[in-house]
């Protein structure tokens, strides 16, 4: 048993935890799936689309921003959000590499 990270994640895994935590909620997944490539969406538009209060939508959007999955840009009085999935790709790659290394160490390497 590897108890090395029992009390704290490695520093380079903190971003992985934020991404997966943010993606663990169906509403936040729906928000991400609303975006077309290159599109920016305002909080107002998201609130009009989702059956949630503005406060609830803002909470979900803030969680996605903190995870690095959405980038905010202020335009006048409104804030628009756009996708930034680089961190998600990095998190998935880190987990894939970890899993592949673990499988290779046990002799169960799969494609």
C-alpha atoms as a PDB file:
ATOM      1  CA  UNK A   1       0.000   0.000   0.000  1.00  0.00           C
ATOM      2  CA  UNK A   2       1.365   3.412  -0.973  1.00  0.00           C
ATOM      3  CA  UNK A   3       0.550   5.799   1.884  1.00  0.00           C
ATOM      4  CA  UNK A   4       2.873   8.538   0.653  1.00  0.00           C
ATOM      5  CA  UNK A   5       0.027  10.897  -0.330  1.00  0.00           C
ATOM      6  CA  UNK A   6      -2.399  10.011   2.445  1.00  0.00           C
ATOM      7  CA  UNK A   7      -2.291  13.482   3.997  1.00  0.00           C
ATOM      8  CA  UNK A   8      -1.726  15.665   0.946  1.00  0.00           C
ATOM      9  CA  UNK A   9      -1.797  15.428  -2.809  1.00  0.00           C
ATOM     10  CA  UNK A  10       1.377  16.112  -4.753  1.00  0.00           C
ATOM     11  CA  UNK A  11       1.452  19.785  -5.742  1.00  0.00           C
ATOM     12  CA  UNK A  12       1.067  19.003  -9.445  1.00  0.00           C
ATOM     13  CA  UNK A  13      -2.114  17.017  -8.683  1.00  0.00           C
ATOM     14  CA  UNK A  14      -3.958  19.936  -7.025  1.00  0.00           C
ATOM     15  CA  UNK A  15      -5.163  21.178 -10.430  1.00  0.00           C
ATOM     16  CA  UNK A  16      -6.275  17.636 -11.300  1.00  0.00           C
ATOM     17  CA  UNK A  17      -8.390  17.539  -8.143  1.00  0.00           C
ATOM     18  CA  UNK A  18     -10.020  20.908  -8.969  1.00  0.00           C
ATOM     19  CA  UNK A  19     -10.857  19.816 -12.522  1.00  0.00           C
ATOM     20  CA  UNK A  20     -12.371  16.485 -11.486  1.00  0.00           C
ATOM     21  CA  UNK A  21     -14.224  18.069  -8.576  1.00  0.00           C
ATOM     22  CA  UNK A  22     -15.728  20.675 -10.912  1.00  0.00           C
ATOM     23  CA  UNK A  23     -16.658  18.007 -13.457  1.00  0.00           C
ATOM     24  CA  UNK A  24     -18.294  15.871 -10.761  1.00  0.00           C
ATOM     25  CA  UNK A  25     -21.495  17.907 -10.902  1.00  0.00           C
ATOM     26  CA  UNK A  26     -24.075  17.372 -13.662  1.00  0.00           C
ATOM     27  CA  UNK A  27     -25.071  21.053 -13.774  1.00  0.00           C
ATOM     28  CA  UNK A  28     -21.469  22.114 -14.354  1.00  0.00           C
ATOM     29  CA  UNK A  29     -21.151  19.471 -17.072  1.00  0.00           C
ATOM     30  CA  UNK A  30     -24.281  20.888 -18.731  1.00  0.00           C
ATOM     31  CA  UNK A  31     -22.821  24.398 -18.565  1.00  0.00           C
ATOM     32  CA  UNK A  32     -19.649  23.257 -20.331  1.00  0.00           C
ATOM     33  CA  UNK A  33     -21.656  21.392 -22.972  1.00  0.00           C
ATOM     34  CA  UNK A  34     -23.603  24.569 -23.826  1.00  0.00           C
ATOM     35  CA  UNK A  35     -20.545  26.166 -25.428  1.00  0.00           C
ATOM     36  CA  UNK A  36     -19.943  26.026 -29.171  1.00  0.00           C
ATOM     37  CA  UNK A  37     -16.299  26.226 -30.309  1.00  0.00           C
ATOM     38  CA  UNK A  38     -14.974  29.762 -29.773  1.00  0.00           C
ATOM     39  CA  UNK A  39     -18.208  30.950 -28.161  1.00  0.00           C
ATOM     40  CA  UNK A  40     -18.499  33.267 -25.155  1.00  0.00           C
ATOM     41  CA  UNK A  41     -21.641  33.164 -23.026  1.00  0.00           C
ATOM     42  CA  UNK A  42     -22.745  35.720 -20.440  1.00  0.00           C
ATOM     43  CA  UNK A  43     -23.882  34.832 -16.946  1.00  0.00           C
ATOM     44  CA  UNK A  44     -27.221  36.408 -17.844  1.00  0.00           C
ATOM     45  CA  UNK A  45     -27.650  34.025 -20.797  1.00  0.00           C
ATOM     46  CA  UNK A  46     -26.678  31.021 -18.683  1.00  0.00           C
ATOM     47  CA  UNK A  47     -29.195  32.062 -16.030  1.00  0.00           C
ATOM     48  CA  UNK A  48     -31.935  32.348 -18.654  1.00  0.00           C
ATOM     49  CA  UNK A  49     -31.144  28.871 -20.005  1.00  0.00           C
ATOM     50  CA  UNK A  50     -30.800  26.948 -16.756  1.00  0.00           C
ATOM     51  CA  UNK A  51     -33.660  26.237 -14.326  1.00  0.00           C
ATOM     52  CA  UNK A  52     -31.665  27.685 -11.423  1.00  0.00           C
ATOM     53  CA  UNK A  53     -31.426  30.989  -9.613  1.00  0.00           C
ATOM     54  CA  UNK A  54     -28.803  33.505 -10.694  1.00  0.00           C
ATOM     55  CA  UNK A  55     -26.971  32.828  -7.423  1.00  0.00           C
ATOM     56  CA  UNK A  56     -26.849  29.083  -8.102  1.00  0.00           C
ATOM     57  CA  UNK A  57     -25.655  29.580 -11.684  1.00  0.00           C
ATOM     58  CA  UNK A  58     -23.003  32.052 -10.484  1.00  0.00           C
ATOM     59  CA  UNK A  59     -21.799  29.484  -7.919  1.00  0.00           C
ATOM     60  CA  UNK A  60     -21.413  26.794 -10.603  1.00  0.00           C
ATOM     61  CA  UNK A  61     -19.680  29.200 -12.980  1.00  0.00           C
ATOM     62  CA  UNK A  62     -17.311  30.339 -10.223  1.00  0.00           C
ATOM     63  CA  UNK A  63     -16.413  26.706  -9.513  1.00  0.00           C
ATOM     64  CA  UNK A  64     -15.630  26.185 -13.214  1.00  0.00           C
ATOM     65  CA  UNK A  65     -13.536  29.362 -13.294  1.00  0.00           C
ATOM     66  CA  UNK A  66     -11.564  28.281 -10.195  1.00  0.00           C
ATOM     67  CA  UNK A  67     -10.946  24.903 -11.822  1.00  0.00           C
ATOM     68  CA  UNK A  68      -9.571  26.687 -14.898  1.00  0.00           C
ATOM     69  CA  UNK A  69     -12.279  25.365 -17.224  1.00  0.00           C
ATOM     70  CA  UNK A  70     -13.914  28.736 -17.944  1.00  0.00           C
ATOM     71  CA  UNK A  71     -12.240  32.092 -18.520  1.00  0.00           C
ATOM     72  CA  UNK A  72     -14.129  35.294 -17.652  1.00  0.00           C
ATOM     73  CA  UNK A  73     -13.892  38.503 -19.699  1.00  0.00           C
ATOM     74  CA  UNK A  74     -15.723  41.672 -18.723  1.00  0.00           C
ATOM     75  CA  UNK A  75     -17.503  43.506 -21.548  1.00  0.00           C
ATOM     76  CA  UNK A  76     -19.165  46.623 -20.243  1.00  0.00           C
ATOM     77  CA  UNK A  77     -21.402  45.660 -17.347  1.00  0.00           C
ATOM     78  CA  UNK A  78     -21.587  41.973 -18.237  1.00  0.00           C
ATOM     79  CA  UNK A  79     -19.079  39.157 -17.793  1.00  0.00           C
ATOM     80  CA  UNK A  80     -18.743  36.625 -20.598  1.00  0.00           C
ATOM     81  CA  UNK A  81     -17.233  33.188 -20.183  1.00  0.00           C
ATOM     82  CA  UNK A  82     -15.377  31.053 -22.690  1.00  0.00           C
ATOM     83  CA  UNK A  83     -14.061  27.511 -22.500  1.00  0.00           C
ATOM     84  CA  UNK A  84     -10.452  26.829 -21.633  1.00  0.00           C
ATOM     85  CA  UNK A  85     -10.017  23.076 -21.741  1.00  0.00           C
ATOM     86  CA  UNK A  86      -6.200  22.906 -21.657  1.00  0.00           C
ATOM     87  CA  UNK A  87      -6.218  22.169 -17.930  1.00  0.00           C
ATOM     88  CA  UNK A  88      -8.849  19.459 -18.433  1.00  0.00           C
ATOM     89  CA  UNK A  89      -6.652  17.814 -21.059  1.00  0.00           C
ATOM     90  CA  UNK A  90      -3.639  18.030 -18.749  1.00  0.00           C
ATOM     91  CA  UNK A  91      -5.649  16.497 -15.876  1.00  0.00           C
ATOM     92  CA  UNK A  92      -6.897  13.645 -18.065  1.00  0.00           C
ATOM     93  CA  UNK A  93      -3.377  13.036 -19.381  1.00  0.00           C
ATOM     94  CA  UNK A  94      -1.976  12.945 -15.837  1.00  0.00           C
ATOM     95  CA  UNK A  95      -4.558  10.362 -14.748  1.00  0.00           C
ATOM     96  CA  UNK A  96      -4.055   8.341 -17.945  1.00  0.00           C
ATOM     97  CA  UNK A  97      -0.274   8.303 -17.445  1.00  0.00           C
ATOM     98  CA  UNK A  98      -0.674   7.301 -13.792  1.00  0.00           C
ATOM     99  CA  UNK A  99      -3.062   4.467 -14.719  1.00  0.00           C
ATOM    100  CA  UNK A 100      -0.844   3.260 -17.586  1.00  0.00           C
ATOM    101  CA  UNK A 101       2.241   3.266 -15.319  1.00  0.00           C
ATOM    102  CA  UNK A 102       0.372   1.343 -12.626  1.00  0.00           C
ATOM    103  CA  UNK A 103      -0.871  -1.220 -15.137  1.00  0.00           C
ATOM    104  CA  UNK A 104       2.619  -1.572 -16.629  1.00  0.00           C
ATOM    105  CA  UNK A 105       4.065  -2.176 -13.155  1.00  0.00           C
ATOM    106  CA  UNK A 106       1.609  -5.030 -12.602  1.00  0.00           C
ATOM    107  CA  UNK A 107       2.183  -6.488 -16.046  1.00  0.00           C
ATOM    108  CA  UNK A 108      -1.380  -5.763 -17.191  1.00  0.00           C
ATOM    109  CA  UNK A 109      -0.570  -3.071 -19.737  1.00  0.00           C
ATOM    110  CA  UNK A 110      -3.435  -2.462 -22.148  1.00  0.00           C
ATOM    111  CA  UNK A 111      -3.635  -0.223 -25.240  1.00  0.00           C
END
